Amino acid sequence: MDSILVRGNGPLKGQIPIAGAKNACLTLMPATLLSEEPLTLTNAPRLSDIATMTQLLQSLGAEVAGLQQGQVLAMSSHGITNHTADYDIVRKMRASILVLGPLLARDGHAVVSLPGGCAIGARPVDLHQRAMEALGAEIELKDGYLHARAPGGRLRGAVIDFPLVSVGATENALMAATLARGTTVIKNAAREPEIVDLAQCLRAMGAQIDGEGTSTITIQGVDRLHGATHPVVADRIELGTYMLVPAICGGEVECIGGRMELVGAFAEKLDAAGVSVTETERGLKVSRRGDRVRAVDVVTEPFPGFPTDLQAQMMALLCTAEGTSVLEERIFENRFMHAPELTRMGANIEVHGGTATVHGVAKLKGARVMATDLRASVSLILAALAAEGETVVSRVYHLDRGYEKVEEKLRACGAQIERVRA
């Protein structure tokens, strides 16, 4: 099993290109199931999760080809030959549930295994099921699979009022509604940039959608969708992660392709901590204003609030802040598993339920640590960049699910980092 070896060596300086968003691409890929015509995605990230979604779509009969070193995904679902998303594939990644809506919308039936993914807490599929049932689907949970069908072979428009904001359920409902009869209104919809990106792609395919980016989305169903070419939006989580590099170890980094509107709440917290973020012609330039950052309190919230997917990385920064910070996790109840590993590096962290109190220390020290999930893995790498001595991060297969060429991007800025093959 591969490990990442990091030797802290002071301030870093350089440019880091930001890839297309993993979460956006994983949502856009199932949209190919909605049309018999080709869907082409540009600026696609090259990640193991993308390979898993490719495998899932191919198991359903879709054709998926990676072009130009994988940054272009050419897909075609002119012949869906299978309507069962098998457990052996779905268990690897929660985004697999996103084939449910498109399969139901196009062919009126689907069998989808309950999904897997990072072990960061309960993430039930009840909101997905509720959305499909509101659109007229009949769903039975049997032997770990959702067996769904649309009476008469087609979904019907409806009002879907989510009791909780859910990105995945909003995405599934949005795709399903594009081919439903009549008008669908999604209330309490997620507002993330990935939702906006999906709506723009579906609109390019001929869907009639209004209100994406707000809490109410209206979809007028159409009889069919056509092919399209769509660029994947920049990854706001990768962007935020690399913005933390100069914040935690000093120096200056320009994140190429970054946009302020993708990380507004996060950038505000960085500013409060003493980190400058300025827009450039090509992205965002980040530097620390002093020798140490200041403590700040963080509460994770749905977009446009502070992202839960940047909480672990922000904790790594605050481990060396002046003062005491409090991080409250309101999205997932089991997302502080990185705290004990940071403590092994000399951090002073107390966790009580959904709240972590971080007492800043002057310096972290290198240690052998273990990644517990995707975002935790990169938080340990960030901490290692600022630590004295050598850090070995094990179980980095999590890392490869969401970050491409981490070592290469950080080495370009002067970091001493390498992958140790098992």
Protein backbone atom coordinates (compact mmCIF):
# COMPACT_ATOMS: atom_id res chain seq x y z
CA MET A 1 0.00 0.00 0.00
CA ASP A 2 1.52 3.35 -1.08
CA SER A 3 2.60 6.07 1.37
CA ILE A 4 3.47 9.74 0.98
CA LEU A 5 6.76 10.93 2.46
CA VAL A 6 7.02 14.65 3.31
CA ARG A 7 9.93 16.62 4.74
CA GLY A 8 9.00 20.07 5.99
CA ASN A 9 11.33 22.59 4.39
CA GLY A 10 9.89 26.06 4.91
CA PRO A 11 7.98 28.49 2.66
CA LEU A 12 6.76 27.39 -0.77
CA LYS A 13 6.35 29.50 -3.88
CA GLY A 14 4.95 28.81 -7.32
CA GLN A 15 1.86 28.07 -9.37
CA ILE A 16 -0.58 25.21 -8.99
CA PRO A 17 -3.12 24.40 -11.74
CA ILE A 18 -6.58 23.54 -10.42
CA ALA A 19 -8.24 20.53 -12.03
CA GLY A 20 -11.87 20.09 -12.98
CA ALA A 21 -14.12 19.33 -10.03
CA LYS A 22 -14.34 15.68 -9.03
CA ASN A 23 -17.80 16.09 -7.54
CA ALA A 24 -19.03 17.97 -10.60
CA CYS A 25 -17.62 15.43 -13.05
CA LEU A 26 -19.10 12.51 -11.12
CA THR A 27 -22.49 14.21 -11.41
CA LEU A 28 -22.13 15.12 -15.08
CA MET A 29 -21.09 11.64 -16.21
CA PRO A 30 -24.44 9.93 -15.41
CA ALA A 31 -26.19 12.63 -17.46
CA THR A 32 -25.05 10.71 -20.54
CA LEU A 33 -27.69 8.10 -19.66
CA LEU A 34 -30.40 10.69 -20.39
CA SER A 35 -29.69 10.81 -24.14
CA GLU A 36 -28.92 8.50 -27.04
CA GLU A 37 -26.56 11.14 -28.42
CA PRO A 38 -22.93 11.71 -27.30
CA LEU A 39 -22.00 13.83 -24.28
CA THR A 40 -18.43 15.13 -24.14
CA LEU A 41 -16.89 16.58 -20.98
CA THR A 42 -13.73 18.70 -21.13
CA ASN A 43 -11.45 19.64 -18.20
CA ALA A 44 -12.22 16.30 -16.56
CA PRO A 45 -9.98 15.32 -13.62
CA ARG A 46 -7.94 12.12 -13.80
CA LEU A 47 -8.90 10.34 -10.59
CA SER A 48 -9.75 6.86 -9.40
CA ASP A 49 -13.36 7.92 -8.68
CA ILE A 50 -13.72 8.94 -12.34
CA ALA A 51 -12.45 5.50 -13.33
CA THR A 52 -15.01 3.90 -11.01
CA MET A 53 -17.87 5.92 -12.54
CA THR A 54 -16.57 4.99 -15.99
CA GLN A 55 -16.70 1.34 -15.01
CA LEU A 56 -20.25 1.72 -13.70
CA LEU A 57 -21.51 3.47 -16.85
CA GLN A 58 -19.85 0.87 -19.06
CA SER A 59 -21.55 -1.90 -17.07
CA LEU A 60 -24.88 -0.29 -18.03
CA GLY A 61 -23.98 -0.30 -21.72
CA ALA A 62 -22.56 3.21 -22.11
CA GLU A 63 -19.41 3.84 -24.11
CA VAL A 64 -16.84 5.97 -22.28
CA ALA A 65 -13.45 6.96 -23.68
CA GLY A 66 -10.79 9.16 -22.11
CA LEU A 67 -9.10 11.44 -24.64
CA GLN A 68 -6.18 13.88 -24.39
CA GLN A 69 -4.62 12.17 -21.36
CA GLY A 70 -8.03 11.69 -19.78
CA GLN A 71 -8.97 15.37 -19.62
CA VAL A 72 -11.70 14.83 -22.23
CA LEU A 73 -14.39 12.22 -21.59
CA ALA A 74 -16.32 11.16 -24.67
CA MET A 75 -19.48 9.26 -23.71
CA SER A 76 -22.38 7.70 -25.56
CA SER A 77 -25.42 5.86 -24.22
CA HIS A 78 -27.18 5.10 -27.49
CA GLY A 79 -27.84 1.59 -26.25
CA ILE A 80 -28.43 0.94 -22.54
CA THR A 81 -28.14 -2.83 -22.15
CA ASN A 82 -28.37 -3.18 -18.38
CA HIS A 83 -30.39 -1.34 -15.73
CA THR A 84 -28.73 -2.80 -12.63
CA ALA A 85 -25.94 -0.89 -10.86
CA ASP A 86 -24.14 -3.74 -9.16
CA TYR A 87 -22.89 -3.70 -5.57
CA ASP A 88 -19.33 -4.62 -6.54
CA ILE A 89 -18.98 -1.25 -8.30
CA VAL A 90 -21.38 0.93 -6.32
CA ARG A 91 -19.84 0.03 -2.94
CA LYS A 92 -16.67 1.90 -3.90
CA MET A 93 -18.26 5.32 -4.30
CA ARG A 94 -21.37 7.08 -3.04
CA ALA A 95 -21.85 9.08 -6.26
CA SER A 96 -22.94 5.84 -7.93
CA ILE A 97 -26.47 6.51 -6.67
CA LEU A 98 -26.67 9.25 -9.32
CA VAL A 99 -27.48 6.73 -12.06
CA LEU A 100 -30.89 6.13 -10.42
CA GLY A 101 -32.60 9.28 -11.70
CA PRO A 102 -31.32 9.10 -15.29
CA LEU A 103 -32.17 5.40 -15.71
CA LEU A 104 -35.68 5.95 -14.34
CA ALA A 105 -36.21 9.04 -16.47
CA ARG A 106 -35.09 7.46 -19.72
CA ASP A 107 -36.29 3.87 -19.50
CA GLY A 108 -38.69 3.81 -16.55
CA HIS A 109 -36.85 1.27 -14.42
CA ALA A 110 -33.62 0.81 -12.45
CA VAL A 111 -32.05 -1.42 -9.83
CA VAL A 112 -29.30 0.33 -7.86
CA SER A 113 -27.23 -1.00 -4.98
CA LEU A 114 -26.95 1.06 -1.82
CA PRO A 115 -23.68 3.01 -2.19
CA GLY A 116 -20.39 3.23 -0.32
CA GLY A 117 -17.59 5.82 -0.13
CA CYS A 118 -15.63 7.49 2.68
CA ALA A 119 -16.56 6.44 6.22
CA ILE A 120 -17.46 9.93 7.44
CA GLY A 121 -20.88 9.19 8.90
CA ALA A 122 -24.37 8.17 7.93
CA ARG A 123 -25.40 9.36 4.49
CA PRO A 124 -28.71 7.63 3.83
CA VAL A 125 -30.39 7.56 0.43
CA ASP A 126 -33.86 8.30 1.76
CA LEU A 127 -33.93 11.77 0.18
CA HIS A 128 -33.06 10.27 -3.21
CA GLN A 129 -35.86 7.76 -2.77
CA ARG A 130 -38.30 10.45 -1.64
CA ALA A 131 -37.53 12.55 -4.72
CA MET A 132 -38.07 9.68 -7.14
CA GLU A 133 -41.31 8.70 -5.40
CA ALA A 134 -42.54 12.29 -5.65
CA LEU A 135 -41.97 11.98 -9.41
CA GLY A 136 -44.20 8.91 -9.47
CA ALA A 137 -41.69 6.09 -9.10
CA GLU A 138 -42.46 2.98 -7.10
CA ILE A 139 -39.42 1.90 -5.08
CA GLU A 140 -38.76 -1.19 -3.00
CA LEU A 141 -35.62 -1.81 -0.94
CA LYS A 142 -34.73 -5.47 -1.25
CA ASP A 143 -31.46 -7.30 -0.50
CA GLY A 144 -29.47 -4.07 -0.39
CA TYR A 145 -30.80 -2.79 -3.72
CA LEU A 146 -33.29 -0.09 -4.63
CA HIS A 147 -35.74 -1.59 -7.15
CA ALA A 148 -37.43 1.33 -8.89
CA ARG A 149 -39.91 1.65 -11.71
CA ALA A 150 -42.06 4.38 -13.21
CA PRO A 151 -45.63 3.19 -13.85
CA GLY A 152 -46.40 3.68 -17.52
CA GLY A 153 -42.68 3.94 -18.24
CA ARG A 154 -42.27 7.64 -17.54
CA LEU A 155 -41.93 9.89 -14.52
CA ARG A 156 -44.28 12.81 -13.97
CA GLY A 157 -43.56 16.35 -12.81
CA ALA A 158 -44.12 17.17 -9.16
CA VAL A 159 -43.18 19.45 -6.29
CA ILE A 160 -40.19 18.03 -4.40
CA ASP A 161 -39.71 19.73 -1.04
CA PHE A 162 -36.57 18.46 0.66
CA PRO A 163 -36.65 18.57 4.48
CA LEU A 164 -32.86 18.87 4.44
CA VAL A 165 -30.49 20.32 1.86
CA SER A 166 -28.86 17.45 -0.05
CA VAL A 167 -26.49 17.95 -2.97
CA GLY A 168 -26.78 14.40 -4.28
CA ALA A 169 -30.55 14.21 -3.96
CA THR A 170 -30.91 17.59 -5.70
CA GLU A 171 -28.72 16.32 -8.55
CA ASN A 172 -30.66 13.08 -8.90
CA ALA A 173 -34.00 14.92 -8.87
CA LEU A 174 -32.77 17.50 -11.37
CA MET A 175 -31.66 14.87 -13.88
CA ALA A 176 -34.80 12.77 -13.45
CA ALA A 177 -37.09 15.77 -13.89
CA THR A 178 -35.64 16.76 -17.27
CA LEU A 179 -37.53 13.93 -19.00
CA ALA A 180 -40.58 13.79 -16.72
CA ARG A 181 -44.01 14.78 -18.01
CA GLY A 182 -44.92 18.30 -16.93
CA THR A 183 -43.27 20.71 -14.52
CA THR A 184 -41.14 19.87 -11.51
CA VAL A 185 -40.28 22.31 -8.74
CA ILE A 186 -37.44 21.41 -6.37
CA LYS A 187 -37.68 23.31 -3.09
CA ASN A 188 -34.88 23.61 -0.52
CA ALA A 189 -32.52 22.66 -3.34
CA ALA A 190 -28.77 22.60 -2.85
CA ARG A 191 -27.02 25.69 -4.26
CA GLU A 192 -23.48 24.35 -4.80
CA PRO A 193 -21.50 25.29 -7.93
CA GLU A 194 -21.71 21.62 -8.92
CA ILE A 195 -25.51 21.97 -9.13
CA VAL A 196 -25.15 25.05 -11.34
CA ASP A 197 -22.63 23.21 -13.51
CA LEU A 198 -25.00 20.24 -13.93
CA ALA A 199 -27.92 22.52 -14.84
CA GLN A 200 -25.80 24.29 -17.45
CA CYS A 201 -24.79 20.95 -18.98
CA LEU A 202 -28.38 19.68 -19.03
CA ARG A 203 -29.53 22.94 -20.59
CA ALA A 204 -26.90 22.48 -23.31
CA MET A 205 -28.49 19.05 -23.90
CA GLY A 206 -31.90 20.66 -24.38
CA ALA A 207 -33.35 20.66 -20.87
CA GLN A 208 -35.56 23.51 -19.68
CA ILE A 209 -34.28 24.56 -16.26
CA ASP A 210 -34.55 27.77 -14.26
CA GLY A 211 -33.33 28.79 -10.82
CA GLU A 212 -30.14 26.78 -10.36
CA GLY A 213 -27.94 28.36 -7.71
CA THR A 214 -31.02 29.29 -5.66
CA SER A 215 -33.08 27.21 -3.24
CA THR A 216 -35.87 26.72 -5.81
CA ILE A 217 -35.26 25.06 -9.17
CA THR A 218 -37.99 24.70 -11.81
CA ILE A 219 -37.75 22.11 -14.59
CA GLN A 220 -40.12 21.78 -17.53
CA GLY A 221 -39.85 18.20 -18.77
CA VAL A 222 -39.02 17.55 -22.43
CA ASP A 223 -39.47 14.44 -24.57
CA ARG A 224 -35.78 13.94 -25.30
CA LEU A 225 -32.34 15.40 -24.76
CA HIS A 226 -29.59 15.68 -27.38
CA GLY A 227 -25.80 15.56 -27.26
CA ALA A 228 -23.55 18.36 -26.05
CA THR A 229 -20.00 19.34 -25.10
CA HIS A 230 -19.50 20.84 -21.64
CA PRO A 231 -16.43 21.99 -19.62
CA VAL A 232 -16.26 20.73 -16.02
CA VAL A 233 -16.13 23.58 -13.49
CA ALA A 234 -12.90 24.07 -11.49
CA ASP A 235 -12.67 22.00 -8.30
CA ARG A 236 -13.39 24.37 -5.41
CA ILE A 237 -12.19 21.81 -2.84
CA GLU A 238 -8.86 21.28 -4.57
CA LEU A 239 -8.66 25.06 -4.93
CA GLY A 240 -9.24 25.60 -1.20
CA THR A 241 -6.78 22.86 -0.32
CA TYR A 242 -3.94 24.42 -2.30
CA MET A 243 -4.81 27.90 -1.04
CA LEU A 244 -3.85 26.54 2.38
CA VAL A 245 -0.31 25.63 1.29
CA PRO A 246 1.22 29.13 1.70
CA ALA A 247 -1.11 29.77 4.63
CA ILE A 248 0.32 26.86 6.61
CA CYS A 249 4.00 27.00 5.64
CA GLY A 250 4.54 30.52 4.29
CA GLY A 251 5.46 31.73 0.83
CA GLU A 252 3.13 32.58 -2.04
CA VAL A 253 1.13 30.33 -4.37
CA GLU A 254 -1.01 31.25 -7.38
CA CYS A 255 -3.86 28.80 -7.97
CA ILE A 256 -4.38 28.80 -11.74
CA GLY A 257 -8.04 28.57 -12.74
CA GLY A 258 -9.37 29.46 -9.29
CA ARG A 259 -12.31 31.84 -8.93
CA MET A 260 -13.33 33.73 -5.81
CA GLU A 261 -17.03 32.92 -6.19
CA LEU A 262 -16.22 29.24 -5.73
CA VAL A 263 -14.61 29.75 -2.29
CA GLY A 264 -16.17 32.92 -0.89
CA ALA A 265 -16.89 31.79 2.69
CA PHE A 266 -13.58 29.92 2.88
CA ALA A 267 -11.61 32.95 1.65
CA GLU A 268 -13.31 35.10 4.29
CA LYS A 269 -12.05 32.76 7.03
CA LEU A 270 -8.55 32.86 5.58
CA ASP A 271 -8.64 36.65 5.61
CA ALA A 272 -9.76 36.64 9.25
CA ALA A 273 -6.86 34.28 10.04
CA GLY A 274 -4.34 36.64 8.43
CA VAL A 275 -4.04 35.21 4.93
CA SER A 276 -4.25 37.43 1.84
CA VAL A 277 -6.20 36.19 -1.20
CA THR A 278 -6.13 38.31 -4.34
CA GLU A 279 -7.61 37.71 -7.77
CA THR A 280 -5.28 37.63 -10.75
CA GLU A 281 -5.86 37.31 -14.47
CA ARG A 282 -5.29 33.57 -14.22
CA GLY A 283 -6.63 32.64 -10.80
CA LEU A 284 -6.09 33.41 -7.11
CA LYS A 285 -2.82 34.40 -5.42
CA VAL A 286 -2.44 33.49 -1.74
CA SER A 287 0.13 34.50 0.91
CA ARG A 288 0.31 34.67 4.70
CA ARG A 289 0.56 38.16 6.18
CA GLY A 290 2.53 37.22 9.30
CA ASP A 291 4.72 34.49 10.74
CA ARG A 292 1.67 32.63 12.13
CA VAL A 293 -2.02 32.71 11.35
CA ARG A 294 -4.61 33.78 13.92
CA ALA A 295 -7.19 31.44 15.44
CA VAL A 296 -10.67 31.55 13.90
CA ASP A 297 -13.88 29.64 14.54
CA VAL A 298 -15.41 27.58 11.75
CA VAL A 299 -18.90 26.14 11.26
CA THR A 300 -19.49 23.88 8.25
CA GLU A 301 -22.66 24.60 6.30
CA PRO A 302 -24.18 23.94 2.88
CA PHE A 303 -23.00 26.24 0.10
CA PRO A 304 -22.48 29.19 0.20
CA GLY A 305 -21.28 28.47 3.74
CA PHE A 306 -17.94 26.94 4.77
CA PRO A 307 -17.58 23.56 3.01
CA THR A 308 -17.41 20.39 5.07
CA ASP A 309 -14.89 19.10 2.51
CA LEU A 310 -12.41 21.79 3.64
CA GLN A 311 -12.87 21.30 7.38
CA ALA A 312 -10.03 18.78 7.82
CA GLN A 313 -7.61 20.93 5.83
CA MET A 314 -8.58 24.04 7.80
CA MET A 315 -8.01 22.15 11.04
CA ALA A 316 -4.46 21.40 9.91
CA LEU A 317 -3.85 25.13 9.42
CA LEU A 318 -5.35 26.06 12.79
CA CYS A 319 -3.13 23.56 14.62
CA THR A 320 -0.32 26.14 14.33
CA ALA A 321 -2.45 29.28 14.78
CA GLU A 322 -2.03 31.80 17.58
CA GLY A 323 -4.87 31.18 20.00
CA THR A 324 -7.73 28.69 20.24
CA SER A 325 -10.10 27.81 17.40
CA VAL A 326 -13.41 25.96 17.53
CA LEU A 327 -14.58 23.92 14.54
CA GLU A 328 -18.20 22.78 14.47
CA GLU A 329 -19.13 20.07 11.97
CA ARG A 330 -22.82 20.31 11.04
CA ILE A 331 -22.86 18.23 7.86
CA PHE A 332 -21.39 14.84 8.84
CA GLU A 333 -21.29 13.51 12.40
CA ASN A 334 -18.12 11.43 12.05
CA ARG A 335 -15.67 13.76 10.36
CA PHE A 336 -12.99 14.39 12.95
CA MET A 337 -11.09 11.11 12.48
CA HIS A 338 -8.06 13.10 11.33
CA ALA A 339 -7.78 14.82 14.73
CA PRO A 340 -5.97 11.92 16.50
CA GLU A 341 -3.51 11.72 13.61
CA LEU A 342 -2.77 15.44 13.82
CA THR A 343 -2.30 14.98 17.56
CA ARG A 344 0.43 12.45 16.78
CA MET A 345 2.22 15.34 15.07
CA GLY A 346 2.05 17.48 18.20
CA ALA A 347 -1.31 19.21 17.70
CA ASN A 348 -3.48 20.02 20.72
CA ILE A 349 -7.04 19.07 19.78
CA GLU A 350 -10.08 18.18 21.90
CA VAL A 351 -13.08 16.57 20.22
CA HIS A 352 -16.52 16.46 21.80
CA GLY A 353 -19.24 15.17 19.50
CA GLY A 354 -19.53 17.48 16.51
CA THR A 355 -17.15 20.11 17.91
CA ALA A 356 -13.36 20.21 17.87
CA THR A 357 -11.36 22.71 19.93
CA VAL A 358 -7.89 23.38 18.54
CA HIS A 359 -5.29 25.04 20.76
CA GLY A 360 -2.60 26.33 18.44
CA VAL A 361 1.00 25.23 18.95
CA ALA A 362 4.16 26.90 17.71
CA LYS A 363 5.28 23.95 15.60
CA LEU A 364 4.18 20.51 14.49
CA LYS A 365 6.60 17.58 14.33
CA GLY A 366 6.91 14.86 11.74
CA ALA A 367 5.44 11.45 12.55
CA ARG A 368 3.99 8.31 11.00
CA VAL A 369 0.27 8.92 10.46
CA MET A 370 -2.61 7.20 8.70
CA ALA A 371 -5.22 8.68 6.37
CA THR A 372 -8.79 7.80 7.31
CA ASP A 373 -10.65 9.35 4.39
CA LEU A 374 -10.12 11.51 1.31
CA ARG A 375 -9.99 14.97 2.88
CA ALA A 376 -8.22 13.73 6.02
CA SER A 377 -5.40 12.38 3.86
CA VAL A 378 -4.63 15.74 2.30
CA SER A 379 -4.96 17.51 5.66
CA LEU A 380 -2.11 15.36 6.96
CA ILE A 381 0.02 16.28 3.95
CA LEU A 382 -0.64 19.98 4.61
CA ALA A 383 0.35 19.55 8.25
CA ALA A 384 3.48 17.68 7.17
CA LEU A 385 4.56 20.58 4.94
CA ALA A 386 4.70 22.80 8.02
CA ALA A 387 6.14 20.20 10.42
CA GLU A 388 9.72 19.77 11.57
CA GLY A 389 11.29 16.61 10.26
CA GLU A 390 9.82 13.76 8.26
CA THR A 391 6.20 12.63 8.03
CA VAL A 392 4.95 9.42 6.44
CA VAL A 393 1.27 9.35 5.52
CA SER A 394 -0.02 5.82 4.93
CA ARG A 395 -3.25 4.54 3.30
CA VAL A 396 -3.10 7.25 0.63
CA TYR A 397 -5.39 5.33 -1.71
CA HIS A 398 -8.01 7.71 -0.32
CA LEU A 399 -5.99 10.62 -1.70
CA ASP A 400 -6.06 9.29 -5.25
CA ARG A 401 -9.86 9.38 -5.24
CA GLY A 402 -9.92 13.17 -5.16
CA TYR A 403 -6.53 14.72 -5.98
CA GLU A 404 -4.44 14.20 -9.10
CA LYS A 405 -0.68 14.67 -9.19
CA VAL A 406 -0.44 15.96 -5.60
CA GLU A 407 3.27 15.27 -5.33
CA GLU A 408 4.02 16.85 -8.72
CA LYS A 409 2.01 20.01 -7.98
CA LEU A 410 3.60 20.53 -4.58
CA ARG A 411 7.14 19.75 -5.78
CA ALA A 412 6.71 22.46 -8.42
CA CYS A 413 6.43 24.92 -5.52
CA GLY A 414 9.51 23.58 -3.75
CA ALA A 415 8.04 20.96 -1.44
CA GLN A 416 10.04 17.87 -0.51
CA ILE A 417 7.40 15.20 -1.11
CA GLU A 418 7.46 11.80 -2.73
CA ARG A 419 5.34 8.70 -3.07
CA VAL A 420 6.75 5.52 -1.59
CA ARG A 421 5.47 2.51 -3.49
CA ALA A 422 4.51 -0.52 -1.43
